[in-house]
Protein backbone atom coordinates (compact mmCIF):
# COMPACT_ATOMS: atom_id res chain seq x y z
CA UNK A 1 -120.59 34.01 -41.12
CA UNK A 2 -121.23 33.01 -37.54
CA UNK A 3 -124.07 34.84 -35.87
CA UNK A 4 -125.37 36.50 -39.03
CA UNK A 5 -128.93 37.55 -38.22
CA UNK A 6 -131.00 36.72 -41.32
CA UNK A 7 -133.90 34.98 -39.62
CA UNK A 8 -136.53 37.63 -40.26
CA UNK A 9 -135.48 38.28 -43.85
CA UNK A 10 -135.24 34.57 -44.72
CA UNK A 11 -138.60 33.73 -43.14
CA UNK A 12 -140.56 36.61 -44.72
CA UNK A 13 -142.79 35.93 -47.68
CA UNK A 14 -141.27 37.24 -50.92
CA UNK A 15 -142.79 40.42 -52.35
CA UNK A 16 -142.76 38.84 -55.81
CA UNK A 17 -141.08 35.89 -57.49
CA UNK A 18 -141.21 36.81 -61.16
CA UNK A 19 -137.49 37.57 -61.30
CA UNK A 20 -136.40 34.02 -60.52
CA UNK A 21 -138.68 32.72 -63.29
CA UNK A 22 -137.39 35.06 -66.00
CA UNK A 23 -133.61 34.72 -65.65
CA UNK A 24 -132.91 35.47 -69.30
CA UNK A 25 -134.43 38.95 -68.96
CA UNK A 26 -131.94 39.84 -66.26
CA UNK A 27 -128.56 39.02 -67.77
CA UNK A 28 -127.30 42.52 -67.05
CA UNK A 29 -128.45 42.24 -63.44
CA UNK A 30 -126.65 38.91 -62.99
CA UNK A 31 -123.47 40.28 -64.54
CA UNK A 32 -123.57 43.42 -62.38
CA UNK A 33 -123.89 41.29 -59.24
CA UNK A 34 -120.86 39.23 -60.31
CA UNK A 35 -119.01 42.47 -61.14
CA UNK A 36 -119.84 43.89 -57.71
CA UNK A 37 -118.74 40.71 -55.94
CA UNK A 38 -115.40 40.74 -57.76
CA UNK A 39 -114.84 44.38 -56.78
CA UNK A 40 -115.69 43.67 -53.14
CA UNK A 41 -113.44 40.62 -53.07
CA UNK A 42 -110.52 42.61 -54.50
CA UNK A 43 -110.99 45.15 -51.71
CA UNK A 44 -110.72 42.35 -49.16
CA UNK A 45 -114.30 42.83 -47.93
CA UNK A 46 -116.34 39.99 -46.47
CA UNK A 47 -119.86 39.71 -47.81
CA UNK A 48 -122.89 37.49 -48.16
CA UNK A 49 -125.02 37.86 -51.30
CA UNK A 50 -128.63 36.78 -51.80
CA UNK A 51 -130.01 37.08 -55.34
CA UNK A 52 -133.68 37.53 -56.28
CA UNK A 53 -134.67 37.42 -52.62
CA UNK A 54 -136.86 40.37 -51.59
CA UNK A 55 -134.92 42.45 -54.11
CA UNK A 56 -132.54 41.96 -57.04
CA UNK A 57 -129.69 41.59 -54.54
CA UNK A 58 -129.32 41.69 -50.77
CA UNK A 59 -125.87 42.08 -49.28
CA UNK A 60 -124.60 41.57 -45.76
CA UNK A 61 -121.15 41.15 -44.33
CA UNK A 62 -120.19 43.94 -41.98
CA UNK A 63 -118.48 42.11 -39.13
CA UNK A 64 -119.29 44.95 -36.72
CA UNK A 65 -122.99 44.97 -37.65
CA UNK A 66 -123.86 41.46 -38.88
CA UNK A 67 -127.60 42.18 -38.83
CA UNK A 68 -127.16 45.18 -41.17
CA UNK A 69 -128.34 44.43 -44.73
CA UNK A 70 -128.22 46.46 -47.94
CA UNK A 71 -130.87 45.97 -50.62
CA UNK A 72 -130.15 46.58 -54.31
CA UNK A 73 -132.38 47.20 -57.31
CA UNK A 74 -130.48 46.88 -60.59
CA UNK A 75 -132.24 48.44 -63.57
CA UNK A 76 -131.25 49.34 -67.11
CA UNK A 77 -132.43 51.81 -69.73
CA UNK A 78 -131.41 52.20 -73.35
CA UNK A 79 -133.88 55.04 -74.02
CA UNK A 80 -133.15 57.54 -71.23
CA UNK A 81 -130.08 59.75 -70.78
CA UNK A 82 -130.52 59.78 -67.01
CA UNK A 83 -133.05 59.02 -64.29
CA UNK A 84 -135.47 61.66 -63.03
CA UNK A 85 -137.56 61.52 -59.88
CA UNK A 86 -140.73 61.17 -61.97
CA UNK A 87 -139.22 58.05 -63.61
CA UNK A 88 -138.35 56.45 -60.28
CA UNK A 89 -141.79 57.24 -58.84
CA UNK A 90 -143.81 56.18 -61.87
CA UNK A 91 -146.25 53.39 -61.02
CA UNK A 92 -149.32 51.64 -62.29
CA UNK A 93 -152.37 50.54 -60.34
CA UNK A 94 -151.05 47.06 -59.58
CA UNK A 95 -147.56 47.69 -58.31
CA UNK A 96 -145.23 50.15 -56.61
CA UNK A 97 -142.76 52.48 -58.27
CA UNK A 98 -139.02 51.79 -58.13
CA UNK A 99 -138.63 54.04 -55.09
CA UNK A 100 -141.86 52.65 -53.67
CA UNK A 101 -140.32 49.18 -53.60
CA UNK A 102 -137.23 50.59 -51.90
CA UNK A 103 -139.46 52.23 -49.30
CA UNK A 104 -141.06 48.81 -48.76
CA UNK A 105 -137.68 47.37 -47.71
CA UNK A 106 -137.24 50.03 -45.03
CA UNK A 107 -140.83 49.52 -43.91
CA UNK A 108 -140.80 45.73 -43.85
CA UNK A 109 -137.24 45.23 -42.57
CA UNK A 110 -136.80 48.38 -40.53
CA UNK A 111 -134.33 46.88 -38.07
CA UNK A 112 -132.32 44.92 -40.64
CA UNK A 113 -132.27 47.28 -43.63
CA UNK A 114 -129.46 49.82 -43.27
CA UNK A 115 -129.24 51.08 -46.87
CA UNK A 116 -130.94 50.65 -50.23
CA UNK A 117 -129.36 51.13 -53.63
CA UNK A 118 -130.84 51.84 -57.05
CA UNK A 119 -128.10 50.90 -59.50
CA UNK A 120 -128.26 51.45 -63.24
CA UNK A 121 -126.27 51.70 -66.44
CA UNK A 122 -127.14 55.41 -66.64
CA UNK A 123 -126.76 58.32 -64.25
CA UNK A 124 -129.19 60.75 -62.63
CA UNK A 125 -130.41 64.27 -63.33
CA UNK A 126 -129.43 67.33 -61.29
CA UNK A 127 -132.38 66.99 -58.91
CA UNK A 128 -131.44 63.47 -57.83
CA UNK A 129 -127.75 64.41 -57.84
CA UNK A 130 -128.58 67.18 -55.33
CA UNK A 131 -130.37 64.71 -53.06
CA UNK A 132 -127.48 62.28 -53.27
CA UNK A 133 -124.76 64.85 -52.62
CA UNK A 134 -126.57 66.06 -49.50
CA UNK A 135 -126.90 62.63 -47.90
CA UNK A 136 -123.39 61.59 -48.97
CA UNK A 137 -122.12 64.64 -47.07
CA UNK A 138 -124.01 63.32 -43.99
CA UNK A 139 -126.41 66.26 -44.11
CA UNK A 140 -130.18 66.09 -43.65
CA UNK A 141 -132.17 66.55 -46.86
CA UNK A 142 -135.14 67.94 -44.93
CA UNK A 143 -132.93 70.73 -43.58
CA UNK A 144 -131.00 71.41 -46.78
CA UNK A 145 -133.73 71.19 -49.42
CA UNK A 146 -137.27 71.03 -48.01
CA UNK A 147 -138.87 71.34 -51.47
CA UNK A 148 -137.12 68.25 -52.79
CA UNK A 149 -137.79 66.39 -49.53
CA UNK A 150 -141.53 67.16 -49.74
CA UNK A 151 -141.71 66.32 -53.44
CA UNK A 152 -140.48 62.78 -52.87
CA UNK A 153 -142.45 62.42 -49.64
CA UNK A 154 -145.80 63.35 -51.20
CA UNK A 155 -145.34 60.91 -54.08
CA UNK A 156 -144.26 58.03 -51.83
CA UNK A 157 -147.17 58.79 -49.52
CA UNK A 158 -149.66 58.09 -52.32
CA UNK A 159 -148.30 54.53 -52.49
CA UNK A 160 -148.48 53.98 -48.72
CA UNK A 161 -151.52 55.93 -47.55
CA UNK A 162 -152.71 53.05 -45.34
CA UNK A 163 -150.13 53.93 -42.68
CA UNK A 164 -150.56 56.60 -40.03
CA UNK A 165 -148.74 59.86 -40.69
CA UNK A 166 -146.40 59.38 -37.73
CA UNK A 167 -145.49 55.82 -38.75
CA UNK A 168 -144.98 56.85 -42.35
CA UNK A 169 -142.75 59.80 -41.50
CA UNK A 170 -140.43 57.73 -39.29
CA UNK A 171 -139.87 55.24 -42.12
CA UNK A 172 -139.65 57.96 -44.75
CA UNK A 173 -136.91 59.83 -42.92
CA UNK A 174 -134.81 56.67 -42.79
CA UNK A 175 -135.58 55.97 -46.45
CA UNK A 176 -134.67 59.45 -47.70
CA UNK A 177 -131.34 59.50 -45.84
CA UNK A 178 -130.23 55.98 -46.76
CA UNK A 179 -131.29 55.47 -50.39
CA UNK A 180 -128.46 55.71 -52.93
CA UNK A 181 -129.10 56.14 -56.65
CA UNK A 182 -126.19 55.92 -59.07
CA UNK A 183 -124.55 54.59 -62.21
CA UNK A 184 -123.07 51.19 -61.40
CA UNK A 185 -120.08 51.66 -63.72
CA UNK A 186 -121.05 48.76 -65.99
CA UNK A 187 -122.22 49.90 -69.45
CA UNK A 188 -125.18 48.21 -71.07
CA UNK A 189 -123.14 47.28 -74.09
CA UNK A 190 -120.17 44.90 -73.75
CA UNK A 191 -120.97 44.22 -70.08
CA UNK A 192 -120.33 40.51 -70.62
CA UNK A 193 -116.81 41.13 -71.91
CA UNK A 194 -116.06 43.55 -69.07
CA UNK A 195 -117.14 41.08 -66.38
CA UNK A 196 -115.21 38.27 -68.08
CA UNK A 197 -112.15 40.50 -68.06
CA UNK A 198 -112.58 41.32 -64.36
CA UNK A 199 -112.98 37.62 -63.56
CA UNK A 200 -109.90 36.69 -65.57
CA UNK A 201 -107.91 39.41 -63.79
CA UNK A 202 -109.11 38.07 -60.45
CA UNK A 203 -107.91 34.57 -61.35
């Protein structure tokens, strides 16, 4: 795509490279990306996909905003019924939580990153569903549910306490309004057959 502004993203050092070295552990992720591409193609949408580059998937393609990128984390669980905020903000001493990594994208690529997605084979609990319904209705979470806003903010802050409060809050407000968490409509079981079927239908 002519004029697509990827310079800063392409030239930035990768956060981690383990994903590209452990392909076999991410078969679901690879299939979901193919599934998503097929769906976008059927809709007639233009897109550019980067895999295992700063995140599991990075997508661009909006002709009106060519510099606008969307970052995707694609995770699975066969033990949980749904995701809770405590699951998405669970971290160890050496790394960030799932939402902490999403926050990193907004922080590191503030001008380029328009949205982030956490996609899974399972859904979310009522608390996350409330957050998502508010932002999907183009309302401000801080105004609609200050308790939920502060809960996420305080936990993210513990992962990024090296930044000034003003700098952190600017990034956080973009993060909280533009992070989408949802079931990606591809079940953990039989995902290979489903994607094969979608591909055959496309052909």
